[in-house]
Structures are given as structure tokens and as C-alpha cells.
């Protein structure tokens, strides 16, 4: 179960709306959704926050300021990685990956599908015959998403929620605590 809401800052304060993420597949889609909320609120050049919470296991905040690139904070990257909504936020850039590395990995494959220098062995069935199966070596360097917070810890500092307090939050009431500090608790509760 997840909860997602948009908080748009306007001249009159914060406006909240709940949102479905079913049609959101990328961070770009999410940013477009946030910018639409700003336009609807009549505050195209202001700030919108996207709150996402997954069963109290993790929460994420995406901040979109006008046409600037989105800023992201995730309370627990490893927990978010197990969620389709978390995967939207865990971009290569956020994880420190080189997006071109995937293409390099594909270029390193030989025609038989193994990497250059890869040692794979065929397996034998119970009768000692070669069944043509391939047994892959276990990659000890498999990429692991780090546990704990990741992203822009100062994402809310200029709005009155310091980095230290953000890092101290757990998943249970985190979004409510953030909204309360921003003066948006009541509007967030209306969409919860």
C-alpha cells in the first residue's frame, strides 16, 4: 500500500492533492505531474513537493521548482528499491551509476552471450551426459542499493525543515511531521 500526494506552494499557502502513480513510469513523468499541479495552482514558477510513502517502510520527497531539475530524498534506498514506486525515484544519477555503463556491458559480451574472459562451464545431468546447460559464475560485484537515506538531504532546509531533522525521521509519521513543519499539515490530512 502506498500514499502519494502533491503539495504546491502558492501565494495563499500550500495546496494539497492526492495523486495516483499508476501512469507514472519515470522521474520525468513524475516531474511533469508536479509541474501540472503548479500550473493548476497558478504558481508555475514556485515549488511543488511530491510525497510518496510505502507502508511505513520508506518515504520519498521530490521537489520541483519551476523548470529546474527535480531534487530527490529517499529515507531508505534499499527498501525503496523493492517498490515499483521507489524505482521511479532511484535514478542512476542518484545512485551514482554511469548511465552509459549498461551499453559498455553489452559491448563486452561475446557472440555466445558470455563476457570476455568469463569462465562458464557446461553442466552434466545425473547420467553424466552433457546437457548443454550453462552454469554462470556468481558475480561478487553485483550492484547493491545502499540501506538508509539517499539523495538531497537539504531538500527542505530553505522551507523550514533542516537536514538534521529530515535524517532523524522514520517512516511512520514522517510525511505528517514534514507537512506540520511546513505549515501544511491540515491540507495534507485532507487528502490522506
Protein backbone atom coordinates (compact mmCIF):
# COMPACT_ATOMS: atom_id res chain seq x y z
CA UNK A 1 0.00 0.00 0.00
CA UNK A 2 1.31 3.43 -0.82
CA UNK A 3 0.29 7.03 -0.34
CA UNK A 4 1.21 9.83 -2.71
CA UNK A 5 0.33 13.49 -2.55
CA UNK A 6 1.35 16.73 -4.18
CA UNK A 7 1.86 19.90 -2.12
CA UNK A 8 2.01 23.03 -4.24
CA UNK A 9 3.18 26.28 -2.64
CA UNK A 10 1.11 29.25 -3.73
CA UNK A 11 0.75 32.87 -2.63
CA UNK A 12 -2.09 31.73 -0.36
CA UNK A 13 -0.12 28.90 1.27
CA UNK A 14 0.09 25.20 0.48
CA UNK A 15 -2.45 23.35 -1.64
CA UNK A 16 -2.57 19.57 -1.47
CA UNK A 17 -3.92 16.96 -3.84
CA UNK A 18 -3.68 13.21 -3.74
CA UNK A 19 -2.36 11.55 -6.81
CA UNK A 20 -2.24 8.14 -8.43
CA UNK A 21 1.12 6.97 -9.68
CA UNK A 22 -0.21 4.16 -11.86
CA UNK A 23 0.63 6.02 -15.09
CA UNK A 24 3.97 7.34 -13.82
CA UNK A 25 6.88 5.28 -15.11
CA UNK A 26 9.84 7.66 -14.87
CA UNK A 27 11.08 10.58 -12.83
CA UNK A 28 10.35 12.75 -15.85
CA UNK A 29 6.69 11.66 -15.75
CA UNK A 30 6.56 12.48 -12.05
CA UNK A 31 8.14 15.90 -12.64
CA UNK A 32 5.59 16.63 -15.37
CA UNK A 33 2.79 15.68 -12.99
CA UNK A 34 4.22 18.04 -10.37
CA UNK A 35 4.52 20.89 -12.87
CA UNK A 36 0.89 20.35 -13.91
CA UNK A 37 -0.10 20.73 -10.24
CA UNK A 38 1.82 24.01 -10.11
CA UNK A 39 0.07 25.25 -13.24
CA UNK A 40 -3.33 24.30 -11.82
CA UNK A 41 -2.50 26.18 -8.62
CA UNK A 42 -1.43 29.19 -10.67
CA UNK A 43 2.14 29.02 -9.37
CA UNK A 44 4.20 27.80 -12.33
CA UNK A 45 7.45 29.28 -11.02
CA UNK A 46 7.04 28.15 -7.43
CA UNK A 47 7.59 24.89 -5.57
CA UNK A 48 5.73 21.61 -5.54
CA UNK A 49 6.60 18.69 -3.30
CA UNK A 50 5.68 15.14 -4.15
CA UNK A 51 5.32 12.95 -1.07
CA UNK A 52 5.44 9.18 -1.52
CA UNK A 53 5.13 6.72 1.33
CA UNK A 54 5.22 2.94 1.07
CA UNK A 55 3.67 1.06 4.02
CA UNK A 56 5.76 2.96 6.58
CA UNK A 57 8.84 1.17 5.19
CA UNK A 58 10.22 4.22 3.38
CA UNK A 59 9.22 7.65 2.22
CA UNK A 60 10.39 9.91 -0.53
CA UNK A 61 10.19 13.61 -1.23
CA UNK A 62 10.62 15.02 -4.73
CA UNK A 63 10.90 18.77 -5.05
CA UNK A 64 10.23 20.54 -8.32
CA UNK A 65 10.93 24.27 -8.51
CA UNK A 66 9.56 25.65 -11.79
CA UNK A 67 11.55 24.21 -14.69
CA UNK A 68 14.57 23.21 -12.56
CA UNK A 69 15.64 19.57 -12.37
CA UNK A 70 13.83 17.69 -9.60
CA UNK A 71 15.56 17.18 -6.26
CA UNK A 72 15.02 13.85 -4.51
CA UNK A 73 15.33 12.49 -0.98
CA UNK A 74 14.55 8.87 -0.03
CA UNK A 75 14.56 7.69 3.59
CA UNK A 76 15.70 4.13 2.82
CA UNK A 77 17.05 3.37 -0.64
CA UNK A 78 17.17 -0.41 -0.15
CA UNK A 79 13.50 -0.54 0.89
CA UNK A 80 12.54 1.79 -1.98
CA UNK A 81 14.38 -0.43 -4.46
CA UNK A 82 11.90 -3.21 -3.69
CA UNK A 83 8.99 -0.98 -4.71
CA UNK A 84 7.94 -0.05 -8.21
CA UNK A 85 7.32 3.49 -6.98
CA UNK A 86 10.73 3.63 -5.35
CA UNK A 87 12.38 2.53 -8.56
CA UNK A 88 10.98 5.65 -10.22
CA UNK A 89 12.97 7.78 -7.76
CA UNK A 90 16.17 5.72 -7.69
CA UNK A 91 17.75 7.16 -10.80
CA UNK A 92 21.23 6.23 -12.00
CA UNK A 93 22.39 9.71 -11.07
CA UNK A 94 21.03 9.39 -7.52
CA UNK A 95 22.73 6.00 -7.11
CA UNK A 96 25.99 7.31 -8.56
CA UNK A 97 25.84 4.98 -11.57
CA UNK A 98 27.04 5.86 -15.02
CA UNK A 99 24.01 5.51 -17.32
CA UNK A 100 26.33 4.64 -20.22
CA UNK A 101 27.78 1.68 -18.30
CA UNK A 102 24.91 -0.57 -19.44
CA UNK A 103 25.90 -0.06 -23.07
CA UNK A 104 29.54 -0.82 -22.21
CA UNK A 105 28.47 -4.08 -20.53
CA UNK A 106 26.57 -5.12 -23.65
CA UNK A 107 29.57 -4.34 -25.85
CA UNK A 108 31.74 -6.62 -23.71
CA UNK A 109 29.60 -9.68 -24.48
CA UNK A 110 30.96 -12.27 -26.87
CA UNK A 111 28.70 -13.77 -29.51
CA UNK A 112 27.94 -16.72 -27.22
CA UNK A 113 26.50 -14.33 -24.59
CA UNK A 114 29.40 -14.59 -22.16
CA UNK A 115 31.60 -11.70 -21.19
CA UNK A 116 35.16 -11.52 -22.44
CA UNK A 117 37.22 -13.71 -20.16
CA UNK A 118 34.13 -15.21 -18.47
CA UNK A 119 34.65 -18.79 -17.35
CA UNK A 120 31.45 -20.74 -17.61
CA UNK A 121 31.11 -24.47 -17.55
CA UNK A 122 28.60 -26.84 -19.02
CA UNK A 123 26.71 -28.99 -16.57
CA UNK A 124 26.10 -32.66 -16.72
CA UNK A 125 22.83 -34.40 -15.95
CA UNK A 126 22.56 -37.26 -13.44
CA UNK A 127 23.68 -39.81 -16.07
CA UNK A 128 26.93 -37.97 -16.73
CA UNK A 129 25.85 -36.64 -20.12
CA UNK A 130 26.45 -33.06 -21.15
CA UNK A 131 23.01 -31.45 -21.23
CA UNK A 132 24.32 -28.25 -22.78
CA UNK A 133 23.28 -26.18 -19.76
CA UNK A 134 25.36 -23.24 -18.71
CA UNK A 135 26.34 -22.61 -15.12
CA UNK A 136 27.09 -18.92 -14.51
CA UNK A 137 29.69 -17.75 -12.05
CA UNK A 138 28.26 -15.71 -9.19
CA UNK A 139 29.17 -12.05 -9.59
CA UNK A 140 30.61 -10.91 -6.28
CA UNK A 141 30.50 -7.29 -7.51
CA UNK A 142 26.72 -7.25 -8.05
CA UNK A 143 25.34 -3.76 -7.56
CA UNK A 144 23.65 -3.27 -4.23
CA UNK A 145 21.42 -0.33 -3.38
CA UNK A 146 22.57 1.14 -0.06
CA UNK A 147 20.36 0.86 3.00
CA UNK A 148 19.42 4.14 4.60
CA UNK A 149 18.88 7.65 3.32
CA UNK A 150 19.95 8.76 -0.13
CA UNK A 151 19.59 11.97 -2.08
CA UNK A 152 19.41 15.67 -1.30
CA UNK A 153 19.23 15.92 2.50
CA UNK A 154 18.90 19.71 2.28
CA UNK A 155 15.81 19.46 0.06
CA UNK A 156 13.55 21.14 2.63
CA UNK A 157 16.04 23.29 4.57
CA UNK A 158 15.01 26.60 2.98
CA UNK A 159 11.36 25.75 3.69
CA UNK A 160 11.99 25.39 7.44
CA UNK A 161 12.79 21.69 7.78
CA UNK A 162 16.52 21.24 8.49
CA UNK A 163 18.65 18.43 7.13
CA UNK A 164 19.32 17.00 10.62
CA UNK A 165 15.58 16.65 11.33
CA UNK A 166 14.94 15.03 7.95
CA UNK A 167 17.60 12.40 8.58
CA UNK A 168 16.11 11.66 12.03
CA UNK A 169 12.66 10.77 10.64
CA UNK A 170 11.45 7.20 10.38
CA UNK A 171 8.73 6.08 8.00
CA UNK A 172 5.77 6.03 10.40
CA UNK A 173 4.71 9.69 10.62
CA UNK A 174 7.46 11.30 8.58
CA UNK A 175 5.29 12.99 5.96
CA UNK A 176 2.94 14.37 8.61
CA UNK A 177 5.89 15.78 10.56
CA UNK A 178 7.30 17.42 7.44
CA UNK A 179 3.92 18.87 6.49
CA UNK A 180 3.45 20.17 10.04
CA UNK A 181 6.80 21.97 9.95
CA UNK A 182 5.92 23.50 6.58
CA UNK A 183 2.53 24.68 7.81
CA UNK A 184 0.74 22.23 5.53
CA UNK A 185 -0.44 19.58 7.99
CA UNK A 186 -4.13 20.37 7.62
CA UNK A 187 -4.12 20.36 3.83
CA UNK A 188 -2.15 17.11 3.74
CA UNK A 189 -4.63 15.45 6.09
CA UNK A 190 -7.50 16.38 3.78
CA UNK A 191 -6.04 14.15 1.05
CA UNK A 192 -4.74 11.35 3.26
